Each structure stands twice: as C-alpha cells, then as structure tokens.
Amino acid sequence: QVRLVESGGGLVQAGGSLRLSCVASGSIGSINVMGWYRQTPGKQRELVATFTSGGDTFYADSVKGRFSIARDNAKNTVYLQMSSLKPEDTAVYYCKTRAILIGRGGFSDYWGQGTQVTVSS
C-alpha cells in the first residue's frame, strides 16, 4: 500500500500564504501523477493542481497565478505553495497520487486524509 501524509494547513488571514506538503511512502515502483484536491461542505471535491511524471502541471482557473505546485522526487514529496489566499480558498485539502506498487502491473489511486485550510476575511 501507499500512504500519503499531508501537513501545513492552518488558519491564515486573507492575503496571506501557506505551504502544504504531502509525503508518499510505501513500496512505490512508479508514480504517474501527484496532485492536490479540495472540498468544502456541500460541494464536490475539486482538482486544484497536479504534477505528472513527465513534468506537466495543471492548475484550476480559480488558483492560477496564486498557487504553485512542486515536487521533490528524492523525498517522494509534493508541495502546494499558496499565496494571496482568499476566504473562498477555505477547504479541506487532499493529496492524491496515482502509482504502481513494486511487483504489480497497474496504476492505482491513493488519497491522504486531508488538511484543513481556513482563510479569514
């Protein structure tokens, strides 16, 4: 199995910054993509940003220019740097990876437990 552990969430005023971290562990043979999603009560979980094994990145329109995703392959870690935060960014942020375990022949998706980000007005 793959385990994802998020950290870095908290309470911040509008206009402030936070950096989220997600560390993947387990018998990982290959990671196809790592990314971040977020969810608020009453809404579907939405994609925020992804970083593929080929180096491609994707950002939701709502966070372009404010959020930045990065990875450290040596540490199996993905980061989400969030700047110019707005109250509407308040959500539980989840890390996800699509990976192949050593000895297996297909990709599976794995999720972290989430970290709360609250932005005050």
N, C-alpha and C. Protein backbone atom coordinates (compact mmCIF):
# COMPACT_ATOMS: atom_id res chain seq x y z
N GLN A 1 0.83 -1.20 0.00
CA GLN A 1 0.00 0.00 0.00
C GLN A 1 0.87 1.25 0.00
N VAL A 2 0.25 2.36 -0.44
CA VAL A 2 0.89 3.66 -0.43
C VAL A 2 0.20 4.52 0.61
N ARG A 3 0.97 5.20 1.43
CA ARG A 3 0.43 6.11 2.41
C ARG A 3 0.84 7.53 2.09
N LEU A 4 -0.12 8.44 2.16
CA LEU A 4 0.11 9.86 1.92
C LEU A 4 -0.19 10.63 3.19
N VAL A 5 0.73 11.48 3.61
CA VAL A 5 0.57 12.27 4.82
C VAL A 5 0.71 13.74 4.47
N GLU A 6 -0.36 14.51 4.69
CA GLU A 6 -0.36 15.94 4.41
C GLU A 6 -0.02 16.73 5.67
N SER A 7 0.55 17.91 5.48
CA SER A 7 0.82 18.81 6.58
C SER A 7 0.87 20.24 6.05
N GLY A 8 0.80 21.21 6.95
CA GLY A 8 0.94 22.60 6.57
C GLY A 8 -0.32 23.42 6.61
N GLY A 9 -1.46 22.80 6.83
CA GLY A 9 -2.70 23.55 6.90
C GLY A 9 -2.78 24.37 8.16
N GLY A 10 -3.74 25.30 8.18
CA GLY A 10 -3.92 26.15 9.34
C GLY A 10 -4.83 27.31 9.07
N LEU A 11 -4.81 28.28 9.97
CA LEU A 11 -5.62 29.48 9.87
C LEU A 11 -4.74 30.64 9.43
N VAL A 12 -5.20 31.38 8.42
CA VAL A 12 -4.43 32.50 7.90
C VAL A 12 -5.39 33.60 7.47
N GLN A 13 -4.95 34.84 7.55
CA GLN A 13 -5.76 35.96 7.09
C GLN A 13 -5.73 36.07 5.57
N ALA A 14 -6.78 36.66 5.02
CA ALA A 14 -6.81 36.90 3.58
C ALA A 14 -5.57 37.67 3.14
N GLY A 15 -5.00 37.24 2.03
CA GLY A 15 -3.78 37.83 1.53
C GLY A 15 -2.52 37.14 2.00
N GLY A 16 -2.65 36.23 2.95
CA GLY A 16 -1.50 35.52 3.48
C GLY A 16 -1.13 34.32 2.64
N SER A 17 -0.15 33.55 3.15
CA SER A 17 0.39 32.41 2.42
C SER A 17 0.51 31.19 3.32
N LEU A 18 0.43 30.02 2.70
CA LEU A 18 0.67 28.75 3.35
C LEU A 18 1.34 27.82 2.35
N ARG A 19 2.13 26.88 2.86
CA ARG A 19 2.69 25.83 2.03
C ARG A 19 2.28 24.48 2.57
N LEU A 20 1.60 23.70 1.73
CA LEU A 20 1.20 22.36 2.08
C LEU A 20 2.22 21.35 1.58
N SER A 21 2.43 20.29 2.35
CA SER A 21 3.35 19.23 1.96
C SER A 21 2.63 17.90 2.00
N CYS A 22 3.02 17.00 1.11
CA CYS A 22 2.47 15.65 1.07
C CYS A 22 3.61 14.68 0.82
N VAL A 23 3.82 13.76 1.75
CA VAL A 23 4.88 12.77 1.64
C VAL A 23 4.27 11.40 1.37
N ALA A 24 4.74 10.75 0.32
CA ALA A 24 4.29 9.42 -0.05
C ALA A 24 5.28 8.37 0.43
N SER A 25 4.77 7.29 0.98
CA SER A 25 5.63 6.21 1.44
C SER A 25 5.00 4.87 1.07
N GLY A 26 5.84 3.83 1.01
CA GLY A 26 5.39 2.51 0.63
C GLY A 26 6.29 1.92 -0.43
N SER A 27 5.91 0.75 -0.93
CA SER A 27 6.70 0.06 -1.94
C SER A 27 6.33 0.58 -3.33
N ILE A 28 6.73 1.81 -3.59
CA ILE A 28 6.36 2.51 -4.81
C ILE A 28 7.36 2.19 -5.92
N GLY A 29 6.84 1.68 -7.02
CA GLY A 29 7.68 1.42 -8.18
C GLY A 29 7.71 2.57 -9.16
N SER A 30 6.57 3.24 -9.33
CA SER A 30 6.48 4.34 -10.27
C SER A 30 5.29 5.22 -9.89
N ILE A 31 5.50 6.53 -9.94
CA ILE A 31 4.43 7.50 -9.70
C ILE A 31 4.09 8.19 -11.01
N ASN A 32 2.84 8.11 -11.40
CA ASN A 32 2.39 8.75 -12.62
C ASN A 32 2.07 10.22 -12.42
N VAL A 33 1.39 10.52 -11.30
CA VAL A 33 0.98 11.89 -11.04
C VAL A 33 0.77 12.06 -9.54
N MET A 34 1.08 13.25 -9.05
CA MET A 34 0.74 13.66 -7.70
C MET A 34 0.01 14.98 -7.80
N GLY A 35 -0.96 15.18 -6.93
CA GLY A 35 -1.72 16.40 -7.02
C GLY A 35 -2.49 16.73 -5.77
N TRP A 36 -3.21 17.85 -5.84
CA TRP A 36 -3.98 18.36 -4.73
C TRP A 36 -5.42 18.60 -5.15
N TYR A 37 -6.34 18.21 -4.28
CA TYR A 37 -7.76 18.47 -4.43
C TYR A 37 -8.23 19.22 -3.19
N ARG A 38 -9.43 19.81 -3.27
CA ARG A 38 -10.00 20.43 -2.09
C ARG A 38 -11.51 20.24 -2.08
N GLN A 39 -12.09 20.31 -0.88
CA GLN A 39 -13.51 20.08 -0.73
C GLN A 39 -14.06 20.89 0.44
N THR A 40 -15.23 21.50 0.22
CA THR A 40 -15.95 22.20 1.27
C THR A 40 -17.30 21.53 1.45
N PRO A 41 -17.95 21.72 2.61
CA PRO A 41 -19.25 21.09 2.83
C PRO A 41 -20.27 21.45 1.75
N GLY A 42 -20.96 20.45 1.25
CA GLY A 42 -21.97 20.67 0.23
C GLY A 42 -21.46 20.76 -1.18
N LYS A 43 -20.16 20.65 -1.38
CA LYS A 43 -19.58 20.73 -2.71
C LYS A 43 -18.81 19.46 -3.04
N GLN A 44 -18.69 19.19 -4.34
CA GLN A 44 -17.88 18.06 -4.79
C GLN A 44 -16.40 18.38 -4.63
N ARG A 45 -15.62 17.35 -4.44
CA ARG A 45 -14.18 17.52 -4.38
C ARG A 45 -13.68 18.00 -5.74
N GLU A 46 -12.87 19.05 -5.75
CA GLU A 46 -12.39 19.63 -6.99
C GLU A 46 -10.88 19.55 -7.10
N LEU A 47 -10.42 19.40 -8.32
CA LEU A 47 -8.99 19.37 -8.60
C LEU A 47 -8.42 20.77 -8.48
N VAL A 48 -7.31 20.90 -7.76
CA VAL A 48 -6.63 22.18 -7.58
C VAL A 48 -5.39 22.26 -8.48
N ALA A 49 -4.52 21.27 -8.38
CA ALA A 49 -3.28 21.28 -9.15
C ALA A 49 -2.70 19.88 -9.22
N THR A 50 -2.02 19.56 -10.33
CA THR A 50 -1.36 18.27 -10.48
C THR A 50 0.02 18.45 -11.08
N PHE A 51 0.88 17.46 -10.84
CA PHE A 51 2.23 17.42 -11.37
C PHE A 51 2.48 16.00 -11.86
N THR A 52 2.63 15.81 -13.18
CA THR A 52 2.81 14.48 -13.74
C THR A 52 4.27 14.08 -13.72
N SER A 53 4.50 12.78 -13.96
CA SER A 53 5.87 12.27 -14.01
C SER A 53 6.66 12.88 -15.16
N GLY A 54 5.97 13.34 -16.20
CA GLY A 54 6.63 13.97 -17.32
C GLY A 54 6.93 15.44 -17.12
N GLY A 55 6.56 15.99 -15.97
CA GLY A 55 6.85 17.37 -15.67
C GLY A 55 5.75 18.36 -16.03
N ASP A 56 4.61 17.87 -16.49
CA ASP A 56 3.49 18.75 -16.82
C ASP A 56 2.73 19.13 -15.56
N THR A 57 2.29 20.38 -15.51
CA THR A 57 1.49 20.85 -14.40
C THR A 57 0.13 21.33 -14.88
N PHE A 58 -0.84 21.28 -13.99
CA PHE A 58 -2.18 21.76 -14.28
C PHE A 58 -2.68 22.53 -13.06
N TYR A 59 -3.38 23.64 -13.32
CA TYR A 59 -3.98 24.43 -12.25
C TYR A 59 -5.42 24.75 -12.58
N ALA A 60 -6.27 24.68 -11.57
CA ALA A 60 -7.63 25.15 -11.73
C ALA A 60 -7.62 26.65 -11.99
N ASP A 61 -8.58 27.12 -12.78
CA ASP A 61 -8.63 28.54 -13.11
C ASP A 61 -8.69 29.42 -11.86
N SER A 62 -9.35 28.94 -10.82
CA SER A 62 -9.54 29.73 -9.63
C SER A 62 -8.26 30.00 -8.84
N VAL A 63 -7.20 29.23 -9.12
CA VAL A 63 -5.96 29.38 -8.36
C VAL A 63 -4.78 29.77 -9.22
N LYS A 64 -4.95 29.87 -10.52
CA LYS A 64 -3.84 30.23 -11.41
C LYS A 64 -3.26 31.59 -11.01
N GLY A 65 -1.95 31.64 -10.96
CA GLY A 65 -1.26 32.87 -10.59
C GLY A 65 -1.08 33.04 -9.11
N ARG A 66 -1.76 32.24 -8.30
CA ARG A 66 -1.66 32.35 -6.84
C ARG A 66 -1.05 31.11 -6.20
N PHE A 67 -1.34 29.94 -6.77
CA PHE A 67 -0.83 28.68 -6.24
C PHE A 67 0.26 28.14 -7.15
N SER A 68 1.18 27.38 -6.57
CA SER A 68 2.25 26.76 -7.33
C SER A 68 2.52 25.37 -6.77
N ILE A 69 2.59 24.37 -7.66
CA ILE A 69 2.86 23.00 -7.25
C ILE A 69 4.30 22.64 -7.60
N ALA A 70 4.95 21.91 -6.72
CA ALA A 70 6.33 21.48 -6.94
C ALA A 70 6.51 20.08 -6.37
N ARG A 71 7.57 19.40 -6.81
CA ARG A 71 7.83 18.06 -6.32
C ARG A 71 9.30 17.87 -6.00
N ASP A 72 9.57 16.95 -5.11
CA ASP A 72 10.92 16.53 -4.77
C ASP A 72 10.93 15.02 -4.89
N ASN A 73 11.42 14.52 -6.03
CA ASN A 73 11.38 13.08 -6.29
C ASN A 73 12.19 12.28 -5.27
N ALA A 74 13.30 12.83 -4.82
CA ALA A 74 14.14 12.12 -3.87
C ALA A 74 13.42 11.88 -2.55
N LYS A 75 12.49 12.76 -2.20
CA LYS A 75 11.76 12.64 -0.95
C LYS A 75 10.34 12.14 -1.14
N ASN A 76 9.95 11.83 -2.39
CA ASN A 76 8.58 11.43 -2.70
C ASN A 76 7.58 12.42 -2.10
N THR A 77 7.85 13.69 -2.31
CA THR A 77 7.06 14.75 -1.71
C THR A 77 6.56 15.71 -2.77
N VAL A 78 5.33 16.16 -2.60
CA VAL A 78 4.76 17.20 -3.45
C VAL A 78 4.31 18.34 -2.56
N TYR A 79 4.51 19.58 -3.04
CA TYR A 79 4.19 20.77 -2.27
C TYR A 79 3.13 21.59 -3.00
N LEU A 80 2.37 22.33 -2.25
CA LEU A 80 1.46 23.32 -2.80
C LEU A 80 1.71 24.63 -2.09
N GLN A 81 2.34 25.57 -2.79
CA GLN A 81 2.58 26.90 -2.25
C GLN A 81 1.39 27.78 -2.58
N MET A 82 0.73 28.28 -1.56
CA MET A 82 -0.48 29.08 -1.73
C MET A 82 -0.22 30.51 -1.28
N SER A 83 -0.44 31.46 -2.16
CA SER A 83 -0.23 32.87 -1.87
C SER A 83 -1.50 33.65 -2.20
N SER A 84 -1.56 34.88 -1.69
CA SER A 84 -2.73 35.75 -1.91
C SER A 84 -4.02 35.00 -1.62
N LEU A 85 -4.06 34.33 -0.49
CA LEU A 85 -5.20 33.49 -0.15
C LEU A 85 -6.47 34.31 0.05
N LYS A 86 -7.58 33.72 -0.36
CA LYS A 86 -8.89 34.33 -0.27
C LYS A 86 -9.79 33.48 0.62
N PRO A 87 -10.83 34.08 1.22
CA PRO A 87 -11.75 33.27 2.03
C PRO A 87 -12.35 32.09 1.27
N GLU A 88 -12.57 32.23 -0.04
CA GLU A 88 -13.12 31.14 -0.82
C GLU A 88 -12.15 29.98 -1.01
N ASP A 89 -10.89 30.16 -0.61
CA ASP A 89 -9.94 29.05 -0.64
C ASP A 89 -10.10 28.13 0.56
N THR A 90 -10.91 28.52 1.52
CA THR A 90 -11.13 27.70 2.71
C THR A 90 -11.70 26.34 2.32
N ALA A 91 -11.04 25.27 2.75
CA ALA A 91 -11.45 23.92 2.39
C ALA A 91 -10.53 22.92 3.08
N VAL A 92 -10.91 21.66 3.00
CA VAL A 92 -10.00 20.58 3.34
C VAL A 92 -9.24 20.22 2.07
N TYR A 93 -7.93 20.23 2.15
CA TYR A 93 -7.09 19.95 1.00
C TYR A 93 -6.56 18.52 1.10
N TYR A 94 -6.72 17.76 0.01
CA TYR A 94 -6.33 16.37 -0.04
C TYR A 94 -5.23 16.15 -1.06
N CYS A 95 -4.26 15.34 -0.68
CA CYS A 95 -3.21 14.91 -1.59
C CYS A 95 -3.62 13.59 -2.24
N LYS A 96 -3.32 13.44 -3.53
CA LYS A 96 -3.59 12.20 -4.24
C LYS A 96 -2.41 11.83 -5.12
N THR A 97 -2.16 10.53 -5.22
CA THR A 97 -1.15 10.05 -6.15
C THR A 97 -1.69 8.86 -6.93
N ARG A 98 -1.23 8.74 -8.16
CA ARG A 98 -1.50 7.57 -8.98
C ARG A 98 -0.16 6.87 -9.17
N ALA A 99 -0.06 5.63 -8.68
CA ALA A 99 1.22 4.98 -8.61
C ALA A 99 1.10 3.48 -8.86
N ILE A 100 2.24 2.88 -9.24
CA ILE A 100 2.37 1.43 -9.37
C ILE A 100 3.20 0.92 -8.21
N LEU A 101 2.69 -0.05 -7.49
CA LEU A 101 3.46 -0.68 -6.43
C LEU A 101 4.47 -1.65 -7.03
N ILE A 102 5.60 -1.81 -6.35
CA ILE A 102 6.62 -2.75 -6.81
C ILE A 102 6.03 -4.14 -6.91
N GLY A 103 6.23 -4.77 -8.07
CA GLY A 103 5.73 -6.12 -8.29
C GLY A 103 4.34 -6.20 -8.87
N ARG A 104 3.70 -5.06 -9.09
CA ARG A 104 2.37 -5.03 -9.67
C ARG A 104 2.40 -4.33 -11.02
N GLY A 105 1.41 -4.65 -11.85
CA GLY A 105 1.44 -4.18 -13.23
C GLY A 105 0.48 -3.10 -13.62
N GLY A 106 -0.19 -2.47 -12.66
CA GLY A 106 -1.14 -1.42 -12.98
C GLY A 106 -1.15 -0.29 -11.97
N PHE A 107 -1.62 0.88 -12.41
CA PHE A 107 -1.71 2.04 -11.53
C PHE A 107 -2.94 1.96 -10.64
N SER A 108 -2.80 2.48 -9.44
CA SER A 108 -3.90 2.66 -8.51
C SER A 108 -3.83 4.05 -7.91
N ASP A 109 -4.98 4.57 -7.48
CA ASP A 109 -5.05 5.88 -6.86
C ASP A 109 -5.04 5.76 -5.34
N TYR A 110 -4.32 6.68 -4.70
CA TYR A 110 -4.22 6.71 -3.25
C TYR A 110 -4.45 8.13 -2.75
N TRP A 111 -5.15 8.24 -1.63
CA TRP A 111 -5.53 9.53 -1.06
C TRP A 111 -4.99 9.70 0.35
N GLY A 112 -4.64 10.94 0.69
CA GLY A 112 -4.33 11.28 2.06
C GLY A 112 -5.60 11.59 2.83
N GLN A 113 -5.45 11.88 4.12
CA GLN A 113 -6.60 12.14 4.98
C GLN A 113 -7.06 13.60 4.94
N GLY A 114 -6.26 14.48 4.39
CA GLY A 114 -6.64 15.87 4.24
C GLY A 114 -6.09 16.76 5.34
N THR A 115 -5.94 18.03 5.02
CA THR A 115 -5.52 19.04 5.98
C THR A 115 -6.37 20.28 5.79
N GLN A 116 -6.83 20.86 6.90
CA GLN A 116 -7.76 21.99 6.86
C GLN A 116 -7.02 23.29 6.62
N VAL A 117 -7.51 24.06 5.65
CA VAL A 117 -7.04 25.41 5.40
C VAL A 117 -8.21 26.37 5.60
N THR A 118 -8.04 27.33 6.50
CA THR A 118 -9.08 28.31 6.77
C THR A 118 -8.52 29.71 6.55
N VAL A 119 -9.19 30.48 5.70
CA VAL A 119 -8.76 31.83 5.38
C VAL A 119 -9.81 32.80 5.90
N SER A 120 -9.43 33.66 6.82
CA SER A 120 -10.36 34.62 7.41
C SER A 120 -10.41 35.90 6.58
N SER A 121 -11.57 36.55 6.57
CA SER A 121 -11.75 37.77 5.80
C SER A 121 -11.30 38.98 6.58
